[in-house]
Amino acid sequence: MNLTEHSRFQVSLLGFSDTERIMLSSMFRLSAKRLPSYVLNEDPFLADIIVLNAENKEAITDLEQLSAEHTIPSVWIGGDDSSGMTVRVPRPIIWSAVFEALDDVVERASNQDLLNPSRPRTIPLGEWIRNNESIVTTGKISMDSQSAESITAIPSAPWALVVTRDIQLRRFLASYLSIAGFNAEEIDDVRMAIAMNAARDYFCALVESDMDPIDGFSLCRLLHVKRKDWPRVVLILPEDNSLLRLRAHWAGAHSTVAQPLSRDALRLTMNKLRYEAASAKPR
């Protein structure tokens, strides 16, 4: 795994007693400097990974409901699983075993590319370029008659939402999107992004991953609450990092770009989104 300071995952606890929750919380605080690191998030919907009390039936039901909404890998503590399908830690709880299990979940997903099957598969940009050379070189989309009919779902000047605190990055993205034929709206407030997404049908949203008070991965999940497939979210990562891309997949992002950004990378990414939208079956 490519471990850097950005190799940080949000973890939420489900179904534990107050005593166990305090103990687990202390474990996560004391291990904040390890890589990859795991930090607690009280909202399970915004977490990358769930740590679950396997002996609590209500917690298992809650996890099933969360998994119906988006990809949510988990570590189960206690209980018995003869199927071997879950990552489990036996009781009594030992901090090293918990972190080994969390690392195992991340490693498995990194190797197997565990994506939510309800979302379109996000093809790595290099693979997409190789498969779509004509689009890369000409910027034009060639499609069959069925795909040509479905492109009518894409407005001639679609709306794109730009969400970042960096004013220079915001202006760069808005300028590029305008040249590329999009109507761009720029904001630097996460809460405003959620409200605007509910009010307008955006074709895509370009979201910086490093945001406050919640990060771009969590915002990506929230943007999908109103409509599961819209907008197409492109997460802007601080670096090209496999674990950050994994978090983006879990959050439901359609694509990622890494800083420093280039116009070529943006052009390829936006062409990819247009192509995927045009090739999709009509709603």
Protein backbone atom coordinates (compact mmCIF):
# COMPACT_ATOMS: atom_id res chain seq x y z
CA MET A 1 0.00 0.00 0.00
CA ASN A 2 1.11 3.55 -0.77
CA LEU A 3 1.18 5.05 2.74
CA THR A 4 1.47 8.82 3.23
CA GLU A 5 0.16 11.42 5.64
CA HIS A 6 -3.10 11.32 3.65
CA SER A 7 -3.62 7.59 4.33
CA ARG A 8 -6.40 8.25 6.81
CA PHE A 9 -9.74 6.44 7.06
CA GLN A 10 -12.90 7.47 8.90
CA VAL A 11 -14.20 4.75 11.25
CA SER A 12 -17.54 4.56 13.06
CA LEU A 13 -18.54 2.27 15.96
CA LEU A 14 -21.86 0.42 16.02
CA GLY A 15 -23.54 -1.47 18.85
CA PHE A 16 -20.98 -1.16 21.64
CA SER A 17 -21.61 -0.42 25.31
CA ASP A 18 -20.45 2.91 26.72
CA THR A 19 -17.50 1.20 28.39
CA GLU A 20 -16.34 -0.50 25.19
CA ARG A 21 -16.89 2.67 23.18
CA ILE A 22 -14.65 4.64 25.56
CA MET A 23 -11.97 1.97 25.34
CA LEU A 24 -12.09 1.81 21.53
CA SER A 25 -12.11 5.60 21.25
CA SER A 26 -8.95 5.76 23.37
CA MET A 27 -7.30 3.14 21.15
CA PHE A 28 -7.95 5.20 18.03
CA ARG A 29 -6.72 8.44 19.62
CA LEU A 30 -3.48 6.81 20.82
CA SER A 31 -2.76 5.35 17.38
CA ALA A 32 -3.37 8.50 15.35
CA LYS A 33 0.21 8.60 14.07
CA ARG A 34 0.28 5.07 12.61
CA LEU A 35 -0.10 4.53 8.87
CA PRO A 36 -2.65 3.91 7.63
CA SER A 37 -4.42 5.83 10.38
CA TYR A 38 -8.03 5.44 11.50
CA VAL A 39 -9.98 8.29 13.08
CA LEU A 40 -13.44 8.11 14.62
CA ASN A 41 -16.48 9.65 12.99
CA GLU A 42 -19.70 9.59 15.04
CA ASP A 43 -21.87 9.47 11.90
CA PRO A 44 -21.83 5.94 10.40
CA PHE A 45 -23.13 7.28 7.08
CA LEU A 46 -19.98 9.36 6.64
CA ALA A 47 -17.52 6.64 7.70
CA ASP A 48 -15.26 4.65 5.38
CA ILE A 49 -15.29 1.55 7.62
CA ILE A 50 -17.65 0.32 10.33
CA VAL A 51 -16.40 -1.47 13.47
CA LEU A 52 -19.36 -3.53 14.64
CA ASN A 53 -20.33 -5.40 17.80
CA ALA A 54 -21.29 -8.72 16.19
CA GLU A 55 -23.29 -9.72 19.27
CA ASN A 56 -25.69 -6.79 18.87
CA LYS A 57 -28.53 -7.68 16.45
CA GLU A 58 -29.66 -4.06 16.13
CA ALA A 59 -26.16 -3.05 15.06
CA ILE A 60 -26.15 -5.77 12.39
CA THR A 61 -29.50 -4.46 11.09
CA ASP A 62 -28.11 -0.91 11.04
CA LEU A 63 -25.10 -2.09 9.02
CA GLU A 64 -27.37 -3.84 6.51
CA GLN A 65 -29.31 -0.60 6.03
CA LEU A 66 -26.11 1.40 5.57
CA SER A 67 -24.77 -1.12 3.07
CA ALA A 68 -27.94 -0.71 1.02
CA GLU A 69 -27.09 2.98 0.60
CA HIS A 70 -23.38 2.79 -0.29
CA THR A 71 -20.26 0.69 -0.04
CA ILE A 72 -19.40 0.20 3.64
CA PRO A 73 -16.71 -2.35 4.57
CA SER A 74 -16.71 -3.55 8.16
CA VAL A 75 -14.82 -5.26 10.96
CA TRP A 76 -16.92 -7.46 13.26
CA ILE A 77 -15.90 -7.88 16.89
CA GLY A 78 -17.04 -11.05 18.66
CA GLY A 79 -19.67 -13.49 17.50
CA ASP A 80 -19.15 -16.45 15.20
CA ASP A 81 -18.97 -16.63 11.42
CA SER A 82 -18.55 -20.10 9.99
CA SER A 83 -18.82 -18.72 6.44
CA GLY A 84 -15.57 -16.78 6.73
CA MET A 85 -17.12 -13.94 4.73
CA THR A 86 -16.53 -11.24 7.36
CA VAL A 87 -13.36 -9.82 8.90
CA ARG A 88 -13.66 -10.69 12.61
CA VAL A 89 -11.79 -9.95 15.81
CA PRO A 90 -12.40 -12.27 18.80
CA ARG A 91 -13.06 -11.05 22.30
CA PRO A 92 -11.52 -9.85 24.54
CA ILE A 93 -10.73 -6.81 22.42
CA ILE A 94 -7.01 -6.34 21.79
CA TRP A 95 -5.99 -3.11 20.10
CA SER A 96 -3.38 -4.70 17.83
CA ALA A 97 -5.92 -7.25 16.55
CA VAL A 98 -8.43 -4.48 15.77
CA PHE A 99 -5.89 -2.53 13.70
CA GLU A 100 -4.67 -5.66 11.96
CA ALA A 101 -8.28 -6.37 10.95
CA LEU A 102 -8.76 -2.79 9.70
CA ASP A 103 -5.54 -3.06 7.69
CA ASP A 104 -6.82 -6.36 6.30
CA VAL A 105 -10.06 -4.72 5.12
CA VAL A 106 -8.12 -1.97 3.37
CA GLU A 107 -5.63 -4.42 1.85
CA ARG A 108 -8.39 -6.68 0.54
CA ALA A 109 -10.20 -3.76 -1.05
CA SER A 110 -6.98 -2.41 -2.55
CA ASN A 111 -6.24 -5.77 -4.15
CA GLN A 112 -9.76 -6.74 -5.20
CA ASP A 113 -11.21 -3.32 -6.09
CA LEU A 114 -14.37 -3.83 -4.01
CA LEU A 115 -16.85 -1.35 -5.46
CA ASN A 116 -20.56 -0.99 -4.89
CA PRO A 117 -22.17 -2.90 -7.77
CA SER A 118 -25.10 -0.45 -7.77
CA ARG A 119 -22.77 2.27 -9.07
CA PRO A 120 -21.05 2.44 -12.46
CA ARG A 121 -17.57 0.95 -12.33
CA THR A 122 -14.97 3.70 -12.26
CA ILE A 123 -12.42 2.77 -14.91
CA PRO A 124 -8.82 3.85 -14.20
CA LEU A 125 -7.99 6.84 -16.39
CA GLY A 126 -5.08 5.08 -18.09
CA GLU A 127 -7.30 2.15 -19.08
CA TRP A 128 -10.02 4.49 -20.33
CA ILE A 129 -7.50 6.42 -22.45
CA ARG A 130 -6.29 3.20 -24.08
CA ASN A 131 -9.87 2.12 -24.85
CA ASN A 132 -11.01 5.50 -26.18
CA GLU A 133 -8.13 6.89 -28.20
CA SER A 134 -10.40 8.74 -30.65
CA ILE A 135 -12.06 10.70 -27.86
CA VAL A 136 -8.69 11.56 -26.35
CA THR A 137 -7.23 12.82 -29.61
CA THR A 138 -10.30 14.56 -31.08
CA GLY A 139 -12.44 15.33 -28.05
CA LYS A 140 -15.44 13.95 -29.98
CA ILE A 141 -17.66 11.03 -29.00
CA SER A 142 -18.48 8.28 -31.49
CA MET A 143 -21.39 6.07 -30.45
CA ASP A 144 -24.00 3.66 -31.72
CA SER A 145 -27.61 4.71 -32.36
CA GLN A 146 -28.81 3.65 -28.89
CA SER A 147 -26.09 5.70 -27.18
CA ALA A 148 -26.77 8.61 -29.55
CA GLU A 149 -30.40 8.67 -28.42
CA SER A 150 -29.43 8.61 -24.75
CA ILE A 151 -27.15 11.63 -25.09
CA THR A 152 -30.27 13.79 -25.24
CA ALA A 153 -30.30 13.41 -21.42
CA ILE A 154 -27.18 15.62 -21.33
CA PRO A 155 -27.99 19.36 -21.61
CA SER A 156 -26.11 21.30 -24.30
CA ALA A 157 -24.60 23.47 -21.55
CA PRO A 158 -24.78 21.26 -18.45
CA TRP A 159 -24.29 22.65 -14.96
CA ALA A 160 -21.18 21.77 -12.97
CA LEU A 161 -20.64 22.50 -9.28
CA VAL A 162 -17.12 23.40 -8.08
CA VAL A 163 -16.53 22.94 -4.33
CA THR A 164 -13.16 23.99 -2.92
CA ARG A 165 -11.76 26.40 -0.34
CA ASP A 166 -8.79 27.25 -2.58
CA ILE A 167 -9.78 30.38 -4.50
CA GLN A 168 -7.09 29.89 -7.16
CA LEU A 169 -8.13 26.28 -7.73
CA ARG A 170 -11.77 27.36 -7.84
CA ARG A 171 -11.08 29.99 -10.51
CA PHE A 172 -8.93 27.58 -12.53
CA LEU A 173 -11.69 24.93 -12.54
CA ALA A 174 -14.44 27.43 -13.34
CA SER A 175 -12.39 28.87 -16.20
CA TYR A 176 -11.71 25.44 -17.67
CA LEU A 177 -15.34 24.30 -17.33
CA SER A 178 -16.57 27.45 -19.04
CA ILE A 179 -14.24 26.84 -21.99
CA ALA A 180 -15.35 23.19 -22.07
CA GLY A 181 -18.99 24.22 -22.45
CA PHE A 182 -20.27 23.93 -18.87
CA ASN A 183 -22.15 26.39 -16.71
CA ALA A 184 -20.01 26.45 -13.58
CA GLU A 185 -21.09 27.47 -10.09
CA GLU A 186 -18.31 27.99 -7.52
CA ILE A 187 -18.68 27.67 -3.77
CA ASP A 188 -16.38 27.14 -0.80
CA ASP A 189 -18.99 26.05 1.76
CA VAL A 190 -19.85 22.37 2.24
CA ARG A 191 -23.32 23.04 3.65
CA MET A 192 -24.15 25.31 0.72
CA ALA A 193 -23.05 22.56 -1.69
CA ILE A 194 -25.59 20.17 -0.17
CA ALA A 195 -28.36 22.77 -0.43
CA MET A 196 -27.48 23.68 -4.04
CA ASN A 197 -27.37 20.03 -5.07
CA ALA A 198 -30.91 19.60 -3.77
CA ALA A 199 -32.08 22.64 -5.73
CA ARG A 200 -30.47 22.01 -9.14
CA ASP A 201 -29.76 18.96 -11.30
CA TYR A 202 -26.01 19.13 -11.80
CA PHE A 203 -24.31 17.02 -14.43
CA CYS A 204 -21.20 16.79 -12.27
CA ALA A 205 -19.50 18.19 -9.19
CA LEU A 206 -15.77 18.74 -8.79
CA VAL A 207 -15.03 18.48 -5.08
CA GLU A 208 -11.76 19.03 -3.22
CA SER A 209 -11.19 16.17 -0.80
CA ASP A 210 -9.62 18.39 1.88
CA MET A 211 -12.65 20.35 3.11
CA ASP A 212 -14.17 21.48 6.43
CA PRO A 213 -16.24 20.83 8.52
CA ILE A 214 -16.56 17.52 6.64
CA ASP A 215 -14.15 16.26 4.01
CA GLY A 216 -14.83 15.78 0.33
CA PHE A 217 -15.35 12.03 0.70
CA SER A 218 -18.21 12.59 3.14
CA LEU A 219 -19.61 15.36 0.95
CA CYS A 220 -19.56 12.96 -1.98
CA ARG A 221 -21.86 10.58 -0.06
CA LEU A 222 -24.18 13.41 0.93
CA LEU A 223 -24.46 14.71 -2.64
CA HIS A 224 -25.91 11.33 -3.63
CA VAL A 225 -28.68 11.40 -1.03
CA LYS A 226 -31.19 13.16 -3.31
CA ARG A 227 -30.40 11.17 -6.45
CA LYS A 228 -28.27 8.04 -6.28
CA ASP A 229 -26.55 8.52 -9.65
CA TRP A 230 -26.37 12.31 -9.85
CA PRO A 231 -24.33 14.38 -9.85
CA ARG A 232 -21.25 12.61 -11.12
CA VAL A 233 -18.65 13.51 -8.54
CA VAL A 234 -14.98 14.05 -9.39
CA LEU A 235 -12.90 14.14 -6.21
CA ILE A 236 -9.79 16.32 -6.35
CA LEU A 237 -7.09 14.56 -4.31
CA PRO A 238 -4.00 16.22 -2.76
CA GLU A 239 -1.79 13.57 -4.37
CA ASP A 240 -1.97 10.49 -6.56
CA ASN A 241 -2.46 7.91 -3.80
CA SER A 242 -4.04 4.45 -4.13
CA LEU A 243 -5.68 4.61 -0.69
CA LEU A 244 -7.21 8.00 -1.44
CA ARG A 245 -8.60 6.58 -4.67
CA LEU A 246 -9.99 3.64 -2.67
CA ARG A 247 -11.75 6.01 -0.28
CA ALA A 248 -13.14 7.87 -3.28
CA HIS A 249 -14.56 4.61 -4.70
CA TRP A 250 -16.15 3.76 -1.35
CA ALA A 251 -17.67 7.24 -1.21
CA GLY A 252 -19.28 6.77 -4.64
CA ALA A 253 -17.08 9.12 -6.70
CA HIS A 254 -17.23 8.57 -10.44
CA SER A 255 -13.64 9.67 -10.97
CA THR A 256 -10.63 11.30 -9.31
CA VAL A 257 -7.93 13.75 -10.33
CA ALA A 258 -4.79 14.47 -8.34
CA GLN A 259 -3.06 17.76 -7.72
CA PRO A 260 -1.26 19.53 -9.23
CA LEU A 261 -4.04 19.69 -11.82
CA SER A 262 -3.48 20.07 -15.53
CA ARG A 263 -5.88 21.00 -18.30
CA ASP A 264 -5.10 17.72 -20.06
CA ALA A 265 -6.10 15.67 -17.00
CA LEU A 266 -9.33 17.66 -16.65
CA ARG A 267 -10.12 17.35 -20.35
CA LEU A 268 -9.70 13.57 -20.23
CA THR A 269 -11.77 13.28 -17.06
CA MET A 270 -14.65 15.42 -18.34
CA ASN A 271 -14.66 13.61 -21.71
CA LYS A 272 -14.83 10.35 -19.78
CA LEU A 273 -17.87 11.56 -17.80
CA ARG A 274 -19.63 12.71 -20.97
CA TYR A 275 -18.90 9.40 -22.67
CA GLU A 276 -20.18 7.37 -19.71
CA ALA A 277 -23.33 9.48 -19.53
CA ALA A 278 -23.92 9.14 -23.26
CA SER A 279 -23.38 5.38 -23.16
CA ALA A 280 -25.69 4.83 -20.20
CA LYS A 281 -29.19 3.49 -20.73
CA PRO A 282 -31.90 6.17 -20.78
CA ARG A 283 -33.48 6.66 -17.36
